[in-house]
Amino acid sequence: MTRRASIARALFAASLATTLLVSGCSAPKAAPIAEKPAAAVKPAAVKIGTLPTEDSLPLWVAEKMGYFGTNGLMSVEIVSFQSAQERDAAFASGAIDAFMGDIIAAANLEAGGAPNTIETVMLGADQSQGRFAVVVPPKSKVTSLAQLKGVPVGTSSATIQEYVLDGLMGEAGVATDGVAVEEVKKVPVRFELLMAGKLKAAALPEPFVTLAEMGGANVVGDDTKSKANLSQTVLVFSDAYLAKEGGREAATAVLKAWDVAVGNINMEPEQYRAELVDKARLPEPLAKTYKVNTYPLAGPPTQVQVDSVLSWMREKGYLKADVTYADLVDAK
């Protein structure tokens, strides 16, 4: 090999080494390993406690029409209780995962060591939905709430019915200390006593208000006509249930199914009358004429609605521990 060829070969080798160093091609990089997407969490089985009232109609329709299943929730059991006390005991013990109730019940359970979250208003998003009223018996001369100052009104203390009674009386200018309560816990018994003239007035929910009117009783206070939106029925889930695998997914599926059922009921209410009559056990005189409610799409109560109830409970001494809006509605 000539001297000139040796020099040329050396220069070529040096040039190649420099190019490889600058270009970073000393070793090929391995392709990144694609991660497998996490498997979607399936909604857990859920048990929902209700009372035989119109508030739960969208849940019953969703169950009957299969809307839970179409939203991925394959196991739902709706359990009907005869009293709020039985329902609350079942919730506190973990026998049910969610319940239809009111803000007072949710607050009392939270204060009593059963943390929960209000997921949606079922009735009462606006004043036209649901109806509580103060009713006087047939032939009563009472025509206004103001005339009931100091007069015993049949109701159940520490309940949404007493809360509405106090709210309506307050709007009529009657302070809380002017509201007299006659304890009659069972609504059907209260209704019968009123219609027999054994109560001078009573706080009643629907459908007993309409039934009383049909029997000649008169409404002197109506929360669908009040200044404030006083009453909401809510769907409440246990925090322990929401924290378990599939719990939050189940709650989301329930709310999606609720919205589908609400849309159908509100569009064609008469199509669901039979379900209402059966599940809510409407009295025979109302079976064909009772107005099917308009229901709200899923959404939690406002802070004003919750805070008003909590303030009233504190005033009355019904709240055994401090509970706030964030405890009941915000994500835990």
Protein backbone atom coordinates (compact mmCIF):
# COMPACT_ATOMS: atom_id res chain seq x y z
CA MET A 1 0.00 0.00 0.00
CA THR A 2 1.38 3.43 -0.99
CA ARG A 3 1.93 6.18 1.54
CA ARG A 4 -0.78 8.28 -0.19
CA ALA A 5 -3.35 5.44 0.10
CA SER A 6 -2.56 4.93 3.79
CA ILE A 7 -3.11 8.59 4.54
CA ALA A 8 -6.43 8.62 2.61
CA ARG A 9 -7.69 5.57 4.47
CA ALA A 10 -6.79 7.11 7.87
CA LEU A 11 -8.56 10.36 7.02
CA PHE A 12 -11.73 8.45 5.98
CA ALA A 13 -11.80 6.47 9.24
CA ALA A 14 -11.40 9.65 11.32
CA SER A 15 -14.18 11.36 9.39
CA LEU A 16 -16.55 8.40 9.90
CA ALA A 17 -15.90 8.31 13.65
CA THR A 18 -16.60 12.03 13.97
CA THR A 19 -19.88 11.69 12.04
CA LEU A 20 -21.09 8.84 14.25
CA LEU A 21 -20.20 10.73 17.42
CA VAL A 22 -21.95 13.93 16.35
CA SER A 23 -25.07 12.20 15.05
CA GLY A 24 -25.51 10.11 18.20
CA CYS A 25 -25.70 6.93 16.25
CA SER A 26 -23.41 4.98 18.49
CA ALA A 27 -26.33 2.69 19.50
CA PRO A 28 -29.94 2.47 18.28
CA LYS A 29 -32.59 3.45 20.83
CA ALA A 30 -35.18 0.85 21.87
CA ALA A 31 -38.79 1.66 20.92
CA PRO A 32 -40.94 2.63 23.96
CA ILE A 33 -43.14 -0.17 25.29
CA ALA A 34 -46.82 0.73 24.96
CA GLU A 35 -48.70 0.45 28.27
CA LYS A 36 -51.95 -1.47 28.29
CA PRO A 37 -54.95 0.73 29.13
CA ALA A 38 -56.38 0.10 32.59
CA ALA A 39 -59.48 -2.06 32.55
CA ALA A 40 -62.69 -0.09 33.19
CA VAL A 41 -64.07 -0.59 36.68
CA LYS A 42 -67.45 -2.26 36.60
CA PRO A 43 -70.26 -0.75 38.71
CA ALA A 44 -70.76 -2.62 41.97
CA ALA A 45 -74.08 -4.18 42.95
CA VAL A 46 -76.23 -1.67 44.82
CA LYS A 47 -79.23 -1.75 47.17
CA ILE A 48 -81.39 1.37 47.34
CA GLY A 49 -83.94 1.92 50.10
CA THR A 50 -87.16 3.79 49.36
CA LEU A 51 -90.51 4.55 50.91
CA PRO A 52 -93.77 3.89 49.04
CA THR A 53 -94.14 7.49 47.83
CA GLU A 54 -94.18 9.20 44.46
CA ASP A 55 -90.64 10.55 44.91
CA SER A 56 -89.10 7.27 43.70
CA LEU A 57 -91.10 6.84 40.49
CA PRO A 58 -88.07 7.36 38.19
CA LEU A 59 -86.15 4.64 40.07
CA TRP A 60 -89.03 2.20 39.64
CA VAL A 61 -89.36 3.08 35.95
CA ALA A 62 -85.60 2.68 35.43
CA GLU A 63 -85.79 -0.75 37.06
CA LYS A 64 -88.80 -1.86 35.02
CA MET A 65 -87.49 -0.57 31.68
CA GLY A 66 -83.95 -1.89 32.12
CA TYR A 67 -82.25 1.51 32.14
CA PHE A 68 -79.83 0.48 34.88
CA GLY A 69 -78.53 -2.39 32.77
CA THR A 70 -78.10 -0.24 29.65
CA ASN A 71 -75.85 2.01 31.74
CA GLY A 72 -73.68 -0.89 32.85
CA LEU A 73 -75.27 -1.48 36.24
CA MET A 74 -76.28 -5.13 36.20
CA SER A 75 -77.32 -5.62 39.84
CA VAL A 76 -79.77 -3.19 41.47
CA GLU A 77 -82.18 -3.99 44.27
CA ILE A 78 -84.79 -1.43 45.29
CA VAL A 79 -86.01 -2.16 48.81
CA SER A 80 -89.23 -0.55 50.05
CA PHE A 81 -89.51 0.29 53.76
CA GLN A 82 -92.66 1.08 55.69
CA SER A 83 -91.09 3.84 57.76
CA ALA A 84 -88.18 6.28 57.65
CA GLN A 85 -86.92 4.83 60.94
CA GLU A 86 -86.59 1.33 59.43
CA ARG A 87 -84.90 2.77 56.33
CA ASP A 88 -82.39 4.81 58.35
CA ALA A 89 -81.52 1.82 60.55
CA ALA A 90 -80.87 -0.30 57.46
CA PHE A 91 -78.62 2.39 56.00
CA ALA A 92 -76.65 2.89 59.22
CA SER A 93 -76.07 -0.88 59.48
CA GLY A 94 -74.93 -1.19 55.86
CA ALA A 95 -77.90 -3.34 54.84
CA ILE A 96 -78.58 -0.83 52.04
CA ASP A 97 -76.09 1.32 50.13
CA ALA A 98 -78.31 4.29 49.31
CA PHE A 99 -81.73 5.67 50.17
CA MET A 100 -84.48 8.03 49.16
CA GLY A 101 -85.02 10.52 51.97
CA ASP A 102 -84.52 14.16 52.85
CA ILE A 103 -81.75 16.50 53.95
CA ILE A 104 -82.73 16.11 57.60
CA ALA A 105 -82.26 12.33 57.45
CA ALA A 106 -78.92 12.70 55.66
CA ALA A 107 -77.67 15.22 58.25
CA ASN A 108 -78.76 13.09 61.20
CA LEU A 109 -77.07 10.00 59.78
CA GLU A 110 -73.88 11.97 59.07
CA ALA A 111 -73.88 13.32 62.63
CA GLY A 112 -74.56 9.83 63.99
CA GLY A 113 -71.52 8.24 62.38
CA ALA A 114 -72.89 7.11 59.00
CA PRO A 115 -71.09 9.45 56.54
CA ASN A 116 -72.99 9.98 53.32
CA THR A 117 -73.24 12.04 50.17
CA ILE A 118 -76.37 13.53 48.64
CA GLU A 119 -76.11 12.70 44.95
CA THR A 120 -79.28 14.28 43.60
CA VAL A 121 -82.57 15.96 44.35
CA MET A 122 -85.43 13.60 43.52
CA LEU A 123 -88.27 16.07 43.99
CA GLY A 124 -88.15 19.74 44.92
CA ALA A 125 -85.51 21.15 42.59
CA ASP A 126 -88.14 23.85 42.14
CA GLN A 127 -91.27 24.62 44.13
CA SER A 128 -93.69 22.99 41.73
CA GLN A 129 -92.25 19.53 42.44
CA GLY A 130 -93.75 17.73 45.40
CA ARG A 131 -96.19 19.26 47.83
CA PHE A 132 -96.43 19.59 51.59
CA ALA A 133 -99.33 21.52 53.05
CA VAL A 134 -101.02 22.60 56.26
CA VAL A 135 -104.63 21.44 56.16
CA VAL A 136 -107.65 22.15 58.36
CA PRO A 137 -110.61 19.76 58.67
CA PRO A 138 -113.94 20.12 56.89
CA LYS A 139 -116.12 22.92 58.36
CA SER A 140 -113.14 24.55 60.11
CA LYS A 141 -113.41 28.33 60.31
CA VAL A 142 -109.64 28.73 59.99
CA THR A 143 -108.72 30.32 56.66
CA SER A 144 -105.10 31.40 57.20
CA LEU A 145 -101.89 30.21 58.83
CA ALA A 146 -101.83 33.27 61.08
CA GLN A 147 -105.00 31.96 62.75
CA LEU A 148 -103.07 28.84 63.79
CA LYS A 149 -100.69 30.70 66.09
CA GLY A 150 -100.62 28.68 69.32
CA VAL A 151 -103.02 26.08 67.87
CA PRO A 152 -101.69 22.48 67.96
CA VAL A 153 -100.91 21.24 64.46
CA GLY A 154 -100.57 17.50 63.93
CA THR A 155 -97.14 16.59 62.58
CA SER A 156 -94.03 14.54 63.32
CA SER A 157 -91.22 16.44 65.04
CA ALA A 158 -87.67 16.52 63.69
CA THR A 159 -88.92 15.76 60.18
CA ILE A 160 -89.22 17.61 56.89
CA GLN A 161 -92.90 18.06 57.69
CA GLU A 162 -92.13 20.06 60.83
CA TYR A 163 -89.50 22.03 58.91
CA VAL A 164 -92.04 22.97 56.24
CA LEU A 165 -94.64 23.80 58.91
CA ASP A 166 -92.22 26.19 60.63
CA GLY A 167 -91.22 27.71 57.29
CA LEU A 168 -94.81 28.33 56.19
CA MET A 169 -95.80 29.72 59.56
CA GLY A 170 -92.76 32.01 59.53
CA GLU A 171 -93.78 33.39 56.13
CA ALA A 172 -97.23 34.07 57.62
CA GLY A 173 -95.65 36.10 60.42
CA VAL A 174 -95.82 33.41 63.13
CA ALA A 175 -92.48 32.98 64.93
CA THR A 176 -91.22 29.51 65.80
CA ASP A 177 -92.25 29.87 69.44
CA GLY A 178 -95.81 30.50 68.26
CA VAL A 179 -96.01 27.18 66.42
CA ALA A 180 -97.60 24.43 68.53
CA VAL A 181 -97.04 20.80 67.54
CA GLU A 182 -99.24 17.83 68.30
CA GLU A 183 -97.15 14.71 67.79
CA VAL A 184 -98.76 12.22 65.39
CA LYS A 185 -95.92 10.34 63.68
CA LYS A 186 -97.86 8.16 61.23
CA VAL A 187 -99.20 10.15 58.30
CA PRO A 188 -102.25 7.91 57.63
CA VAL A 189 -103.28 8.20 61.30
CA ARG A 190 -102.77 11.96 61.18
CA PHE A 191 -104.95 12.16 58.09
CA GLU A 192 -107.74 10.13 59.68
CA LEU A 193 -107.67 12.24 62.87
CA LEU A 194 -107.86 15.42 60.82
CA MET A 195 -110.78 14.26 58.70
CA ALA A 196 -112.61 13.13 61.85
CA GLY A 197 -112.18 16.62 63.34
CA LYS A 198 -109.90 15.34 66.10
CA LEU A 199 -107.05 17.58 64.95
CA LYS A 200 -107.52 21.30 64.41
CA ALA A 201 -104.88 21.23 61.69
CA ALA A 202 -102.27 18.89 60.27
CA ALA A 203 -99.12 19.04 58.17
CA LEU A 204 -99.50 16.51 55.35
CA PRO A 205 -97.52 15.37 52.30
CA GLU A 206 -99.04 14.28 49.02
CA PRO A 207 -101.11 12.32 48.14
CA PHE A 208 -102.84 12.90 51.50
CA VAL A 209 -103.23 16.62 50.76
CA THR A 210 -105.26 15.90 47.62
CA LEU A 211 -107.20 13.16 49.40
CA ALA A 212 -108.08 15.57 52.23
CA GLU A 213 -109.25 18.20 49.75
CA MET A 214 -111.48 15.61 48.08
CA GLY A 215 -113.03 14.97 51.50
CA GLY A 216 -113.84 18.63 52.10
CA ALA A 217 -110.73 19.73 54.05
CA ASN A 218 -109.08 23.05 53.22
CA VAL A 219 -105.44 23.90 52.56
CA VAL A 220 -104.28 27.03 54.41
CA GLY A 221 -100.56 26.71 53.67
CA ASP A 222 -98.88 25.16 50.61
CA ASP A 223 -95.13 24.92 50.06
CA THR A 224 -95.55 24.96 46.27
CA LYS A 225 -96.78 28.55 46.75
CA SER A 226 -94.31 29.66 49.43
CA LYS A 227 -91.63 32.32 48.98
CA ALA A 228 -88.80 29.84 49.57
CA ASN A 229 -88.37 26.37 48.10
CA LEU A 230 -88.80 24.53 51.40
CA SER A 231 -88.76 20.81 50.70
CA GLN A 232 -86.50 18.49 48.75
CA THR A 233 -86.43 14.73 48.55
CA VAL A 234 -82.90 13.47 47.88
CA LEU A 235 -81.00 10.34 46.89
CA VAL A 236 -78.22 9.62 49.38
CA PHE A 237 -75.28 7.20 49.07
CA SER A 238 -73.07 5.82 51.82
CA ASP A 239 -69.52 7.20 51.67
CA ALA A 240 -68.19 3.73 52.48
CA TYR A 241 -70.05 2.35 49.46
CA LEU A 242 -68.81 5.13 47.16
CA ALA A 243 -65.21 4.44 48.26
CA LYS A 244 -65.33 0.71 47.44
CA GLU A 245 -64.40 -0.64 44.04
CA GLY A 246 -67.21 0.07 41.59
CA GLY A 247 -69.21 2.16 44.08
CA ARG A 248 -68.73 5.52 42.42
CA GLU A 249 -69.31 3.92 39.02
CA ALA A 250 -72.59 2.45 40.29
CA ALA A 251 -73.77 5.83 41.60
CA THR A 252 -72.96 7.42 38.24
CA ALA A 253 -74.89 4.68 36.43
CA VAL A 254 -77.90 5.18 38.73
CA LEU A 255 -77.96 8.91 37.94
CA LYS A 256 -77.71 8.26 34.19
CA ALA A 257 -80.61 5.81 34.39
CA TRP A 258 -82.52 8.32 36.52
CA ASP A 259 -82.17 10.96 33.79
CA VAL A 260 -83.45 8.62 31.10
CA ALA A 261 -86.48 7.69 33.23
CA VAL A 262 -87.15 11.34 34.10
CA GLY A 263 -87.09 12.34 30.45
CA ASN A 264 -89.66 9.68 29.59
CA ILE A 265 -91.93 10.39 32.57
CA ASN A 266 -91.94 14.13 31.95
CA MET A 267 -92.70 13.62 28.26
CA GLU A 268 -95.53 11.09 28.70
CA PRO A 269 -96.59 11.02 32.38
CA GLU A 270 -99.76 9.02 31.80
CA GLN A 271 -97.71 6.12 30.45
CA TYR A 272 -96.36 5.59 33.97
CA ARG A 273 -99.51 6.05 36.03
CA ALA A 274 -99.95 2.32 36.63
CA GLU A 275 -96.42 2.06 38.04
CA LEU A 276 -97.10 5.04 40.32
CA VAL A 277 -100.40 3.63 41.56
CA ASP A 278 -98.81 0.24 42.26
CA LYS A 279 -95.51 1.25 43.86
CA ALA A 280 -96.66 4.39 45.68
CA ARG A 281 -99.87 2.64 46.76
CA LEU A 282 -102.14 5.48 45.74
CA PRO A 283 -105.60 5.26 47.32
CA GLU A 284 -108.31 4.07 44.95
CA PRO A 285 -110.07 7.48 44.75
CA LEU A 286 -106.86 8.99 43.33
CA ALA A 287 -105.77 6.17 41.03
CA LYS A 288 -107.16 7.72 37.84
CA THR A 289 -106.97 11.43 38.63
CA TYR A 290 -103.86 12.10 40.73
CA LYS A 291 -101.41 14.23 38.76
CA VAL A 292 -98.12 12.51 37.93
CA ASN A 293 -95.29 14.75 39.10
CA THR A 294 -92.67 16.44 36.95
CA TYR A 295 -89.22 15.22 38.04
CA PRO A 296 -85.82 16.96 37.89
CA LEU A 297 -82.76 15.74 36.07
CA ALA A 298 -79.93 14.62 38.36
CA GLY A 299 -78.28 17.41 40.34
CA PRO A 300 -77.46 18.04 44.02
CA PRO A 301 -79.36 20.48 46.26
CA THR A 302 -78.06 24.03 46.47
CA GLN A 303 -76.07 25.29 49.43
CA VAL A 304 -78.96 27.60 50.36
CA GLN A 305 -81.36 24.64 50.53
CA VAL A 306 -79.01 22.54 52.67
CA ASP A 307 -77.84 25.36 54.93
CA SER A 308 -81.43 26.42 55.65
CA VAL A 309 -82.27 22.93 56.87
CA LEU A 310 -79.08 22.64 58.93
CA SER A 311 -79.68 26.02 60.59
CA TRP A 312 -83.21 24.99 61.53
CA MET A 313 -81.96 21.69 62.96
CA ARG A 314 -79.38 23.52 65.10
CA GLU A 315 -82.03 25.96 66.36
CA LYS A 316 -84.28 23.07 67.35
CA GLY A 317 -81.48 21.09 68.95
CA TYR A 318 -81.96 18.21 66.52
CA LEU A 319 -78.38 18.11 65.21
CA LYS A 320 -76.10 16.17 67.56
CA ALA A 321 -72.81 17.09 65.81
CA ASP A 322 -71.63 19.82 63.48
CA VAL A 323 -72.54 19.05 59.86
CA THR A 324 -71.93 21.34 56.88
CA TYR A 325 -72.94 21.51 53.24
CA ALA A 326 -69.47 20.25 52.27
CA ASP A 327 -69.96 17.19 54.48
CA LEU A 328 -73.16 16.24 52.67
CA VAL A 329 -72.64 17.34 49.09
CA ASP A 330 -68.99 18.00 48.19
CA ALA A 331 -66.76 15.10 47.17
CA LYS A 332 -65.26 13.43 50.22
